PDB file of N, CA and C in Angstrom:
ATOM      1  N   MET A   1       0.849  -1.300   0.059  1.00  0.00           N
ATOM      2  CA  MET A   1      -0.355  -0.088  -0.132  1.00  0.00           C
ATOM      3  C   MET A   1       0.895   1.263  -0.218  1.00  0.00           C
ATOM      4  N   ARG A   2       0.381   2.027  -0.545  1.00  0.00           N
ATOM      5  CA  ARG A   2       1.004   3.571  -0.820  1.00  0.00           C
ATOM      6  C   ARG A   2       0.998   4.146   0.498  1.00  0.00           C
ATOM      7  N   LEU A   3       2.013   5.173   1.246  1.00  0.00           N
ATOM      8  CA  LEU A   3       1.982   5.778   2.076  1.00  0.00           C
ATOM      9  C   LEU A   3       1.457   7.129   2.046  1.00  0.00           C
ATOM     10  N   PRO A   4       1.143   8.141   2.605  1.00  0.00           N
ATOM     11  CA  PRO A   4       1.145   9.270   2.116  1.00  0.00           C
ATOM     12  C   PRO A   4       2.291   9.823   1.979  1.00  0.00           C
ATOM     13  N   ASN A   5       2.488  10.794   0.770  1.00  0.00           N
ATOM     14  CA  ASN A   5       3.617  11.421   0.675  1.00  0.00           C
ATOM     15  C   ASN A   5       3.520  13.004   0.817  1.00  0.00           C
ATOM     16  N   PHE A   6       4.965  13.726   0.694  1.00  0.00           N
ATOM     17  CA  PHE A   6       5.234  15.011   0.344  1.00  0.00           C
ATOM     18  C   PHE A   6       4.080  15.759  -0.365  1.00  0.00           C
ATOM     19  N   GLY A   7       3.590  16.599  -0.402  1.00  0.00           N
ATOM     20  CA  GLY A   7       2.204  17.361  -1.172  1.00  0.00           C
ATOM     21  C   GLY A   7       1.134  16.708  -1.422  1.00  0.00           C
ATOM     22  N   ASP A   8       0.903  15.450  -0.661  1.00  0.00           N
ATOM     23  CA  ASP A   8      -0.667  14.878  -1.086  1.00  0.00           C
ATOM     24  C   ASP A   8      -1.599  15.728  -0.250  1.00  0.00           C
ATOM     25  N   TRP A   9      -2.481  15.818  -0.633  1.00  0.00           N
ATOM     26  CA  TRP A   9      -3.877  16.327  -0.177  1.00  0.00           C
ATOM     27  C   TRP A   9      -4.727  15.414   0.771  1.00  0.00           C
ATOM     28  N   VAL A  10      -4.405  16.058   2.191  1.00  0.00           N
ATOM     29  CA  VAL A  10      -4.904  14.539   3.267  1.00  0.00           C
ATOM     30  C   VAL A  10      -5.941  15.202   4.313  1.00  0.00           C
ATOM     31  N   THR A  11      -6.274  14.444   4.994  1.00  0.00           N
ATOM     32  CA  THR A  11      -7.358  14.539   6.206  1.00  0.00           C
ATOM     33  C   THR A  11      -6.286  14.214   7.071  1.00  0.00           C
ATOM     34  N   VAL A  12      -6.160  14.668   8.384  1.00  0.00           N
ATOM     35  CA  VAL A  12      -5.533  14.101   9.846  1.00  0.00           C
ATOM     36  C   VAL A  12      -6.409  14.014  10.768  1.00  0.00           C
ATOM     37  N   LYS A  13      -6.592  13.338  11.370  1.00  0.00           N
ATOM     38  CA  LYS A  13      -7.812  13.039  12.190  1.00  0.00           C
ATOM     39  C   LYS A  13      -7.135  12.532  13.281  1.00  0.00           C
ATOM     40  N   LYS A  14      -7.248  13.292  14.936  1.00  0.00           N
ATOM     41  CA  LYS A  14      -6.823  12.450  16.000  1.00  0.00           C
ATOM     42  C   LYS A  14      -7.671  11.548  16.532  1.00  0.00           C
ATOM     43  N   VAL A  15      -7.404  10.078  16.628  1.00  0.00           N
ATOM     44  CA  VAL A  15      -8.418   9.413  16.742  1.00  0.00           C
ATOM     45  C   VAL A  15      -8.233   8.518  18.063  1.00  0.00           C
ATOM     46  N   ALA A  16      -6.707   8.715  18.962  1.00  0.00           N
ATOM     47  CA  ALA A  16      -6.638   8.194  20.187  1.00  0.00           C
ATOM     48  C   ALA A  16      -5.544   8.984  20.813  1.00  0.00           C
ATOM     49  N   PRO A  17      -5.113   9.118  22.223  1.00  0.00           N
ATOM     50  CA  PRO A  17      -4.206   9.489  22.751  1.00  0.00           C
ATOM     51  C   PRO A  17      -3.046   8.158  22.725  1.00  0.00           C
ATOM     52  N   ALA A  18      -1.641   8.519  22.584  1.00  0.00           N
ATOM     53  CA  ALA A  18      -0.671   7.593  22.602  1.00  0.00           C
ATOM     54  C   ALA A  18      -0.631   6.953  23.920  1.00  0.00           C
ATOM     55  N   LYS A  19      -0.016   5.566  24.041  1.00  0.00           N
ATOM     56  CA  LYS A  19      -0.306   4.804  25.297  1.00  0.00           C
ATOM     57  C   LYS A  19       0.674   5.341  26.429  1.00  0.00           C
ATOM     58  N   ASP A  20       1.582   6.169  25.990  1.00  0.00           N
ATOM     59  CA  ASP A  20       2.221   6.689  27.357  1.00  0.00           C
ATOM     60  C   ASP A  20       2.912   8.211  26.712  1.00  0.00           C
ATOM     61  N   PRO A  21       2.019   9.261  26.712  1.00  0.00           N
ATOM     62  CA  PRO A  21       2.055  10.226  25.956  1.00  0.00           C
ATOM     63  C   PRO A  21       3.145  11.205  26.819  1.00  0.00           C
ATOM     64  N   HIS A  22       3.937  12.020  26.326  1.00  0.00           N
ATOM     65  CA  HIS A  22       4.448  12.965  26.889  1.00  0.00           C
ATOM     66  C   HIS A  22       3.495  14.227  27.819  1.00  0.00           C
ATOM     67  N   TYR A  23       2.777  14.657  26.803  1.00  0.00           N
ATOM     68  CA  TYR A  23       1.563  15.179  27.328  1.00  0.00           C
ATOM     69  C   TYR A  23       0.323  14.556  27.383  1.00  0.00           C
ATOM     70  N   PRO A  24      -0.952  15.042  28.369  1.00  0.00           N
ATOM     71  CA  PRO A  24      -1.968  14.362  27.995  1.00  0.00           C
ATOM     72  C   PRO A  24      -2.573  14.851  27.045  1.00  0.00           C
ATOM     73  N   THR A  25      -4.067  14.384  26.583  1.00  0.00           N
ATOM     74  CA  THR A  25      -4.542  14.849  25.549  1.00  0.00           C
ATOM     75  C   THR A  25      -5.647  15.785  26.381  1.00  0.00           C
ATOM     76  N   GLY A  26      -5.949  17.232  25.853  1.00  0.00           N
ATOM     77  CA  GLY A  26      -6.685  17.940  26.258  1.00  0.00           C
ATOM     78  C   GLY A  26      -8.274  17.702  26.022  1.00  0.00           C
ATOM     79  N   ALA A  27      -9.380  17.930  26.687  1.00  0.00           N
ATOM     80  CA  ALA A  27     -10.801  18.138  26.061  1.00  0.00           C
ATOM     81  C   ALA A  27     -10.925  19.176  25.066  1.00  0.00           C
ATOM     82  N   LYS A  28     -12.232  18.787  24.236  1.00  0.00           N
ATOM     83  CA  LYS A  28     -12.390  19.922  23.332  1.00  0.00           C
ATOM     84  C   LYS A  28     -12.552  21.393  24.047  1.00  0.00           C
ATOM     85  N   GLY A  29     -13.016  21.472  25.157  1.00  0.00           N
ATOM     86  CA  GLY A  29     -13.413  22.780  25.620  1.00  0.00           C
ATOM     87  C   GLY A  29     -11.834  23.504  26.762  1.00  0.00           C
ATOM     88  N   GLU A  30     -10.908  22.474  26.545  1.00  0.00           N
ATOM     89  CA  GLU A  30      -9.675  22.855  27.221  1.00  0.00           C
ATOM     90  C   GLU A  30      -8.649  23.328  26.254  1.00  0.00           C
ATOM     91  N   TRP A  31      -8.699  22.614  25.317  1.00  0.00           N
ATOM     92  CA  TRP A  31      -7.592  22.712  24.253  1.00  0.00           C
ATOM     93  C   TRP A  31      -8.022  24.040  23.162  1.00  0.00           C
ATOM     94  N   VAL A  32      -7.330  24.871  23.316  1.00  0.00           N
ATOM     95  CA  VAL A  32      -8.046  26.065  22.395  1.00  0.00           C
ATOM     96  C   VAL A  32      -7.218  26.223  20.902  1.00  0.00           C
ATOM     97  N   GLU A  33      -7.992  26.029  19.910  1.00  0.00           N
ATOM     98  CA  GLU A  33      -7.779  26.262  18.612  1.00  0.00           C
ATOM     99  C   GLU A  33      -6.714  27.367  18.340  1.00  0.00           C
ATOM    100  N   GLY A  34      -5.815  27.396  17.740  1.00  0.00           N
ATOM    101  CA  GLY A  34      -5.209  28.373  17.332  1.00  0.00           C
ATOM    102  C   GLY A  34      -4.286  29.479  18.503  1.00  0.00           C
ATOM    103  N   ALA A  35      -4.254  28.765  19.723  1.00  0.00           N
ATOM    104  CA  ALA A  35      -3.427  29.223  20.680  1.00  0.00           C
ATOM    105  C   ALA A  35      -2.388  28.309  21.117  1.00  0.00           C
ATOM    106  N   TYR A  36      -1.625  28.823  22.002  1.00  0.00           N
ATOM    107  CA  TYR A  36      -0.451  28.246  22.333  1.00  0.00           C
ATOM    108  C   TYR A  36      -1.327  27.268  23.900  1.00  0.00           C
ATOM    109  N   ASN A  37      -0.933  25.888  23.710  1.00  0.00           N
ATOM    110  CA  ASN A  37      -1.476  25.167  24.630  1.00  0.00           C
ATOM    111  C   ASN A  37      -0.311  24.313  25.334  1.00  0.00           C
ATOM    112  N   PRO A  38       0.276  25.107  26.596  1.00  0.00           N
ATOM    113  CA  PRO A  38       1.310  24.296  27.088  1.00  0.00           C
ATOM    114  C   PRO A  38       0.917  22.941  28.033  1.00  0.00           C
ATOM    115  N   GLY A  39       1.425  21.772  27.773  1.00  0.00           N
ATOM    116  CA  GLY A  39       1.203  20.774  28.753  1.00  0.00           C
ATOM    117  C   GLY A  39      -0.012  19.935  28.380  1.00  0.00           C
ATOM    118  N   ILE A  40      -0.741  20.132  26.908  1.00  0.00           N
ATOM    119  CA  ILE A  40      -1.765  19.266  26.737  1.00  0.00           C
ATOM    120  C   ILE A  40      -1.549  19.467  25.140  1.00  0.00           C
ATOM    121  N   THR A  41      -2.510  18.231  24.666  1.00  0.00           N
ATOM    122  CA  THR A  41      -2.257  17.995  23.064  1.00  0.00           C
ATOM    123  C   THR A  41      -3.981  17.991  22.351  1.00  0.00           C
ATOM    124  N   THR A  42      -3.882  18.173  21.422  1.00  0.00           N
ATOM    125  CA  THR A  42      -5.141  18.027  20.709  1.00  0.00           C
ATOM    126  C   THR A  42      -5.922  17.266  21.393  1.00  0.00           C
ATOM    127  N   TYR A  43      -7.566  17.439  21.128  1.00  0.00           N
ATOM    128  CA  TYR A  43      -8.445  16.706  21.670  1.00  0.00           C
ATOM    129  C   TYR A  43      -8.851  15.413  20.569  1.00  0.00           C
ATOM    130  N   ILE A  44      -9.543  14.503  20.895  1.00  0.00           N
ATOM    131  CA  ILE A  44      -9.803  13.469  20.165  1.00  0.00           C
ATOM    132  C   ILE A  44     -10.617  14.087  19.275  1.00  0.00           C
ATOM    133  N   GLY A  45     -10.826  13.572  18.032  1.00  0.00           N
ATOM    134  CA  GLY A  45     -11.591  14.199  17.115  1.00  0.00           C
ATOM    135  C   GLY A  45     -11.056  15.480  16.238  1.00  0.00           C
ATOM    136  N   TYR A  46     -10.015  16.089  16.797  1.00  0.00           N
ATOM    137  CA  TYR A  46      -9.597  17.354  16.085  1.00  0.00           C
ATOM    138  C   TYR A  46      -9.347  16.813  14.502  1.00  0.00           C
ATOM    139  N   GLU A  47      -9.347  17.656  13.609  1.00  0.00           N
ATOM    140  CA  GLU A  47      -9.236  17.013  12.434  1.00  0.00           C
ATOM    141  C   GLU A  47      -8.708  18.270  11.559  1.00  0.00           C
ATOM    142  N   VAL A  48      -7.581  18.195  10.571  1.00  0.00           N
ATOM    143  CA  VAL A  48      -7.391  19.207   9.760  1.00  0.00           C
ATOM    144  C   VAL A  48      -7.348  18.332   8.541  1.00  0.00           C
ATOM    145  N   THR A  49      -7.397  19.453   7.375  1.00  0.00           N
ATOM    146  CA  THR A  49      -6.979  18.740   6.028  1.00  0.00           C
ATOM    147  C   THR A  49      -6.184  20.101   5.441  1.00  0.00           C
ATOM    148  N   GLY A  50      -5.444  19.534   4.638  1.00  0.00           N
ATOM    149  CA  GLY A  50      -4.452  20.236   3.913  1.00  0.00           C
ATOM    150  C   GLY A  50      -3.288  19.474   3.259  1.00  0.00           C
ATOM    151  N   LEU A  51      -2.089  20.216   3.007  1.00  0.00           N
ATOM    152  CA  LEU A  51      -1.114  19.246   2.324  1.00  0.00           C
ATOM    153  C   LEU A  51      -0.087  18.985   3.038  1.00  0.00           C
ATOM    154  N   LEU A  52       0.642  17.718   2.831  1.00  0.00           N
ATOM    155  CA  LEU A  52       1.690  17.292   3.707  1.00  0.00           C
ATOM    156  C   LEU A  52       2.869  18.067   3.138  1.00  0.00           C
ATOM    157  N   GLY A  53       3.556  18.556   4.206  1.00  0.00           N
ATOM    158  CA  GLY A  53       4.559  19.546   4.246  1.00  0.00           C
ATOM    159  C   GLY A  53       6.055  18.720   3.716  1.00  0.00           C
ATOM    160  N   ARG A  54       5.475  17.509   4.307  1.00  0.00           N
ATOM    161  CA  ARG A  54       6.652  16.338   4.227  1.00  0.00           C
ATOM    162  C   ARG A  54       6.478  15.048   4.050  1.00  0.00           C
ATOM    163  N   ASP A  55       7.140  13.944   3.746  1.00  0.00           N
ATOM    164  CA  ASP A  55       6.882  12.725   3.822  1.00  0.00           C
ATOM    165  C   ASP A  55       6.415  12.306   5.159  1.00  0.00           C
ATOM    166  N   ILE A  56       5.882  11.433   5.642  1.00  0.00           N
ATOM    167  CA  ILE A  56       5.622  11.024   6.790  1.00  0.00           C
ATOM    168  C   ILE A  56       6.526   9.832   7.427  1.00  0.00           C
ATOM    169  N   LEU A  57       7.866  10.190   8.129  1.00  0.00           N
ATOM    170  CA  LEU A  57       8.725   9.622   8.265  1.00  0.00           C
ATOM    171  C   LEU A  57       8.901   9.432   9.943  1.00  0.00           C
ATOM    172  N   GLU A  58       9.529   8.262  10.387  1.00  0.00           N
ATOM    173  CA  GLU A  58       9.556   7.741  11.727  1.00  0.00           C
ATOM    174  C   GLU A  58      10.852   8.526  12.351  1.00  0.00           C
ATOM    175  N   GLY A  59      10.525   9.160  13.774  1.00  0.00           N
ATOM    176  CA  GLY A  59      11.740  10.205  14.215  1.00  0.00           C
ATOM    177  C   GLY A  59      11.412  11.302  13.671  1.00  0.00           C
ATOM    178  N   VAL A  60      10.617  11.940  12.908  1.00  0.00           N
ATOM    179  CA  VAL A  60      10.197  13.065  12.440  1.00  0.00           C
ATOM    180  C   VAL A  60       8.590  13.595  12.549  1.00  0.00           C
ATOM    181  N   PRO A  61       8.613  14.709  13.518  1.00  0.00           N
ATOM    182  CA  PRO A  61       7.207  15.483  13.495  1.00  0.00           C
ATOM    183  C   PRO A  61       6.609  15.233  12.078  1.00  0.00           C
ATOM    184  N   MET A  62       5.031  14.855  12.339  1.00  0.00           N
ATOM    185  CA  MET A  62       4.317  14.961  10.856  1.00  0.00           C
ATOM    186  C   MET A  62       4.005  16.522  10.813  1.00  0.00           C
ATOM    187  N   TRP A  63       3.937  17.109   9.484  1.00  0.00           N
ATOM    188  CA  TRP A  63       3.835  18.425   9.359  1.00  0.00           C
ATOM    189  C   TRP A  63       2.628  18.545   8.159  1.00  0.00           C
ATOM    190  N   VAL A  64       1.730  19.347   8.376  1.00  0.00           N
ATOM    191  CA  VAL A  64       0.608  19.393   7.560  1.00  0.00           C
ATOM    192  C   VAL A  64       0.611  21.202   7.139  1.00  0.00           C
ATOM    193  N   ASP A  65       0.447  21.323   5.631  1.00  0.00           N
ATOM    194  CA  ASP A  65      -0.080  23.145   5.620  1.00  0.00           C
ATOM    195  C   ASP A  65      -1.432  23.190   5.477  1.00  0.00           C
ATOM    196  N   ARG A  66      -2.051  23.629   6.749  1.00  0.00           N
ATOM    197  CA  ARG A  66      -3.223  23.351   6.987  1.00  0.00           C
ATOM    198  C   ARG A  66      -4.028  24.240   6.138  1.00  0.00           C
ATOM    199  N   ARG A  67      -5.383  23.799   5.845  1.00  0.00           N
ATOM    200  CA  ARG A  67      -6.438  24.636   4.821  1.00  0.00           C
ATOM    201  C   ARG A  67      -7.676  24.636   5.812  1.00  0.00           C
ATOM    202  N   THR A  68      -8.046  23.678   6.570  1.00  0.00           N
ATOM    203  CA  THR A  68      -9.281  23.775   7.087  1.00  0.00           C
ATOM    204  C   THR A  68      -8.737  22.858   8.617  1.00  0.00           C
ATOM    205  N   ARG A  69      -9.576  23.334   9.692  1.00  0.00           N
ATOM    206  CA  ARG A  69      -9.639  22.639  11.022  1.00  0.00           C
ATOM    207  C   ARG A  69     -11.112  22.568  11.375  1.00  0.00           C
ATOM    208  N   ASN A  70     -11.301  21.268  11.499  1.00  0.00           N
ATOM    209  CA  ASN A  70     -12.744  20.931  12.009  1.00  0.00           C
ATOM    210  C   ASN A  70     -13.751  21.415  11.273  1.00  0.00           C
ATOM    211  N   GLY A  71     -13.297  21.506   9.977  1.00  0.00           N
ATOM    212  CA  GLY A  71     -14.264  21.881   8.742  1.00  0.00           C
ATOM    213  C   GLY A  71     -14.592  23.301   8.632  1.00  0.00           C
ATOM    214  N   VAL A  72     -13.515  24.259   9.304  1.00  0.00           N
ATOM    215  CA  VAL A  72     -13.765  25.732   9.107  1.00  0.00           C
ATOM    216  C   VAL A  72     -12.350  26.020   8.462  1.00  0.00           C
ATOM    217  N   SER A  73     -12.569  27.139   7.380  1.00  0.00           N
ATOM    218  CA  SER A  73     -11.235  27.638   6.721  1.00  0.00           C
ATOM    219  C   SER A  73     -10.411  28.219   7.998  1.00  0.00           C
ATOM    220  N   ALA A  74      -9.134  27.594   7.993  1.00  0.00           N
ATOM    221  CA  ALA A  74      -7.875  28.044   9.194  1.00  0.00           C
ATOM    222  C   ALA A  74      -6.730  27.731   8.619  1.00  0.00           C
ATOM    223  N   MET A  75      -6.170  28.495   7.653  1.00  0.00           N
ATOM    224  CA  MET A  75      -4.767  28.596   6.760  1.00  0.00           C
ATOM    225  C   MET A  75      -3.871  28.600   8.017  1.00  0.00           C
ATOM    226  N   GLY A  76      -2.801  27.707   8.124  1.00  0.00           N
ATOM    227  CA  GLY A  76      -1.775  27.336   9.200  1.00  0.00           C
ATOM    228  C   GLY A  76      -1.110  26.472   8.623  1.00  0.00           C
ATOM    229  N   SER A  77      -0.655  25.944  10.183  1.00  0.00           N
ATOM    230  CA  SER A  77       0.213  24.850  10.118  1.00  0.00           C
ATOM    231  C   SER A  77      -0.099  24.041  11.199  1.00  0.00           C
ATOM    232  N   MET A  78      -0.187  22.578  10.863  1.00  0.00           N
ATOM    233  CA  MET A  78      -0.140  21.739  12.149  1.00  0.00           C
ATOM    234  C   MET A  78       0.911  20.709  12.145  1.00  0.00           C
ATOM    235  N   THR A  79       1.864  20.839  13.142  1.00  0.00           N
ATOM    236  CA  THR A  79       2.775  20.037  13.542  1.00  0.00           C
ATOM    237  C   THR A  79       2.743  19.012  14.611  1.00  0.00           C
ATOM    238  N   THR A  80       2.995  17.615  14.861  1.00  0.00           N
ATOM    239  CA  THR A  80       2.704  16.752  15.712  1.00  0.00           C
ATOM    240  C   THR A  80       3.837  16.725  16.628  1.00  0.00           C
ATOM    241  N   SER A  81       3.862  15.622  17.587  1.00  0.00           N
ATOM    242  CA  SER A  81       5.129  15.276  18.169  1.00  0.00           C
ATOM    243  C   SER A  81       5.814  14.286  17.176  1.00  0.00           C
ATOM    244  N   LYS A  82       7.049  13.981  17.520  1.00  0.00           N
ATOM    245  CA  LYS A  82       7.658  12.952  16.662  1.00  0.00           C
ATOM    246  C   LYS A  82       6.732  11.619  16.405  1.00  0.00           C
ATOM    247  N   VAL A  83       6.839  11.287  15.257  1.00  0.00           N
ATOM    248  CA  VAL A  83       6.164  10.115  14.787  1.00  0.00           C
ATOM    249  C   VAL A  83       7.181   8.596  14.831  1.00  0.00           C
ATOM    250  N   LEU A  84       6.425   7.862  16.023  1.00  0.00           N
ATOM    251  CA  LEU A  84       7.293   6.909  16.215  1.00  0.00           C
ATOM    252  C   LEU A  84       6.854   5.518  15.506  1.00  0.00           C
ATOM    253  N   ARG A  85       5.680   5.413  14.683  1.00  0.00           N
ATOM    254  CA  ARG A  85       5.330   4.142  14.212  1.00  0.00           C
ATOM    255  C   ARG A  85       4.367   4.515  12.737  1.00  0.00           C
ATOM    256  N   ILE A  86       4.200   3.822  11.723  1.00  0.00           N
ATOM    257  CA  ILE A  86       3.596   4.162  10.469  1.00  0.00           C
ATOM    258  C   ILE A  86       2.969   2.960  10.145  1.00  0.00           C
ATOM    259  N   GLU A  87       1.839   2.889  10.349  1.00  0.00           N
ATOM    260  CA  GLU A  87       0.838   1.689   9.969  1.00  0.00           C
ATOM    261  C   GLU A  87      -0.359   1.824   9.105  1.00  0.00           C
ATOM    262  N   PRO A  88       0.211   1.034   7.428  1.00  0.00           N
ATOM    263  CA  PRO A  88      -1.182   1.301   6.725  1.00  0.00           C
ATOM    264  C   PRO A  88      -2.174   0.607   7.016  1.00  0.00           C
ATOM    265  N   ILE A  89      -3.523   0.973   6.873  1.00  0.00           N
ATOM    266  CA  ILE A  89      -4.905   0.458   7.286  1.00  0.00           C
ATOM    267  C   ILE A  89      -5.316  -0.392   6.273  1.00  0.00           C
ATOM    268  N   SER A  90      -5.540   0.752   5.254  1.00  0.00           N
ATOM    269  CA  SER A  90      -6.195   0.373   3.937  1.00  0.00           C
ATOM    270  C   SER A  90      -5.757   1.433   2.820  1.00  0.00           C
ATOM    271  N   GLN A  91      -6.235   0.920   1.548  1.00  0.00           N
ATOM    272  CA  GLN A  91      -5.854   1.856   0.556  1.00  0.00           C
ATOM    273  C   GLN A  91      -6.185   3.555   0.970  1.00  0.00           C
ATOM    274  N   GLY A  92      -5.112   4.172   0.921  1.00  0.00           N
ATOM    275  CA  GLY A  92      -5.440   5.610   1.156  1.00  0.00           C
ATOM    276  C   GLY A  92      -5.430   5.940   2.752  1.00  0.00           C
ATOM    277  N   VAL A  93      -5.500   5.069   3.859  1.00  0.00           N
ATOM    278  CA  VAL A  93      -5.414   5.316   4.953  1.00  0.00           C
ATOM    279  C   VAL A  93      -4.742   4.882   5.829  1.00  0.00           C
ATOM    280  N   THR A  94      -3.649   5.701   6.513  1.00  0.00           N
ATOM    281  CA  THR A  94      -2.374   5.505   7.382  1.00  0.00           C
ATOM    282  C   THR A  94      -2.848   5.974   8.632  1.00  0.00           C
ATOM    283  N   ARG A  95      -2.550   4.990   9.886  1.00  0.00           N
ATOM    284  CA  ARG A  95      -2.452   5.309  11.207  1.00  0.00           C
ATOM    285  C   ARG A  95      -1.194   5.500  11.742  1.00  0.00           C
ATOM    286  N   VAL A  96      -0.846   7.021  12.089  1.00  0.00           N
ATOM    287  CA  VAL A  96       0.472   7.648  12.536  1.00  0.00           C
ATOM    288  C   VAL A  96       0.356   7.362  13.974  1.00  0.00           C
ATOM    289  N   TYR A  97       1.423   6.804  14.488  1.00  0.00           N
ATOM    290  CA  TYR A  97       1.785   6.835  16.183  1.00  0.00           C
ATOM    291  C   TYR A  97       2.683   8.181  16.186  1.00  0.00           C
ATOM    292  N   THR A  98       2.462   9.011  17.155  1.00  0.00           N
ATOM    293  CA  THR A  98       3.288  10.002  17.623  1.00  0.00           C
ATOM    294  C   THR A  98       3.742   9.545  19.186  1.00  0.00           C
ATOM    295  N   GLN A  99       4.459  10.560  19.624  1.00  0.00           N
ATOM    296  CA  GLN A  99       4.795  10.295  21.252  1.00  0.00           C
ATOM    297  C   GLN A  99       3.524  10.797  21.887  1.00  0.00           C
ATOM    298  N   ASN A 100       2.627  11.497  21.366  1.00  0.00           N
ATOM    299  CA  ASN A 100       1.434  12.191  22.296  1.00  0.00           C
ATOM    300  C   ASN A 100       0.102  11.490  21.918  1.00  0.00           C
ATOM    301  N   SER A 101      -0.217  11.164  20.411  1.00  0.00           N
ATOM    302  CA  SER A 101      -1.540  10.725  19.577  1.00  0.00           C
ATOM    303  C   SER A 101      -1.136   9.800  18.976  1.00  0.00           C
ATOM    304  N   VAL A 102      -2.587   9.484  18.301  1.00  0.00           N
ATOM    305  CA  VAL A 102      -2.469   8.388  17.284  1.00  0.00           C
ATOM    306  C   VAL A 102      -3.276   9.305  16.336  1.00  0.00           C
ATOM    307  N   TYR A 103      -3.185   9.149  15.107  1.00  0.00           N
ATOM    308  CA  TYR A 103      -4.161   9.943  14.027  1.00  0.00           C
ATOM    309  C   TYR A 103      -4.317   8.686  12.893  1.00  0.00           C
ATOM    310  N   GLU A 104      -5.525   9.327  12.360  1.00  0.00           N
ATOM    311  CA  GLU A 104      -5.671   8.696  10.872  1.00  0.00           C
ATOM    312  C   GLU A 104      -5.319   9.655   9.647  1.00  0.00           C
ATOM    313  N   VAL A 105      -4.643   9.303   8.596  1.00  0.00           N
ATOM    314  CA  VAL A 105      -4.431  10.055   7.581  1.00  0.00           C
ATOM    315  C   VAL A 105      -4.856   9.737   6.404  1.00  0.00           C
ATOM    316  N   THR A 106      -5.646  10.179   5.913  1.00  0.00           N
ATOM    317  CA  THR A 106      -6.393   9.706   4.652  1.00  0.00           C
ATOM    318  C   THR A 106      -6.018  10.652   3.724  1.00  0.00           C
ATOM    319  N   VAL A 107      -5.516   9.792   2.343  1.00  0.00           N
ATOM    320  CA  VAL A 107      -5.111  10.642   1.128  1.00  0.00           C
ATOM    321  C   VAL A 107      -6.353  10.978   0.449  1.00  0.00           C
ATOM    322  N   LEU A 108      -6.764  12.535   0.301  1.00  0.00           N
ATOM    323  CA  LEU A 108      -7.975  12.683  -0.589  1.00  0.00           C
ATOM    324  C   LEU A 108      -7.607  12.600  -2.208  1.00  0.00           C
ATOM    325  N   PRO A 109      -8.823  12.491  -2.964  1.00  0.00           N
ATOM    326  CA  PRO A 109      -8.917  12.704  -4.349  1.00  0.00           C
ATOM    327  C   PRO A 109      -8.641  14.184  -4.682  1.00  0.00           C
ATOM    328  N   GLY A 110      -8.158  14.320  -5.973  1.00  0.00           N
ATOM    329  CA  GLY A 110      -8.083  15.643  -6.360  1.00  0.00           C
ATOM    330  C   GLY A 110      -7.139  16.477  -6.013  1.00  0.00           C
ATOM    331  N   GLU A 111      -7.706  17.831  -6.298  1.00  0.00           N
ATOM    332  CA  GLU A 111      -6.865  18.958  -5.876  1.00  0.00           C
ATOM    333  C   GLU A 111      -7.067  19.595  -4.777  1.00  0.00           C
ATOM    334  N   PRO A 112      -6.316  20.247  -3.921  1.00  0.00           N
ATOM    335  CA  PRO A 112      -6.851  21.114  -2.726  1.00  0.00           C
ATOM    336  C   PRO A 112      -7.772  22.244  -3.018  1.00  0.00           C
ATOM    337  N   LYS A 113      -8.347  22.580  -2.295  1.00  0.00           N
ATOM    338  CA  LYS A 113      -9.468  23.769  -2.536  1.00  0.00           C
ATOM    339  C   LYS A 113      -9.103  24.939  -1.398  1.00  0.00           C
ATOM    340  N   ASP A 114      -9.165  25.989  -1.806  1.00  0.00           N
ATOM    341  CA  ASP A 114      -8.875  26.785  -0.302  1.00  0.00           C
ATOM    342  C   ASP A 114     -10.321  26.790   0.210  1.00  0.00           C
ATOM    343  N   GLY A 115      -9.810  26.778   1.881  1.00  0.00           N
ATOM    344  CA  GLY A 115     -10.559  26.626   2.788  1.00  0.00           C
ATOM    345  C   GLY A 115     -11.982  27.150   2.347  1.00  0.00           C
TER     346      GLY A 115
END
């Protein structure tokens, strides 16, 4: 199966906390979108759509050139903690385990659209 690559149009969704995270997962009302949130990570269900800023590699944070955040236009960037494991789930869907979170990365068909 093909893994997501640099420049792919993707959706990245947090599906679980890591088993032994450096920082705990925040609640939806506790973690503030677009703000500095020291000591906590994004909540379960947090989702961004954008372009992968680099290949997903173990030992390197995942980086997305974000176009939307939770379905709302929000140009910017999303960077995760260091990637520990990459697991293809099905065609176009990959589970990415980081130091703090577990994400599902889905490669989207077609070209990106502005938020």
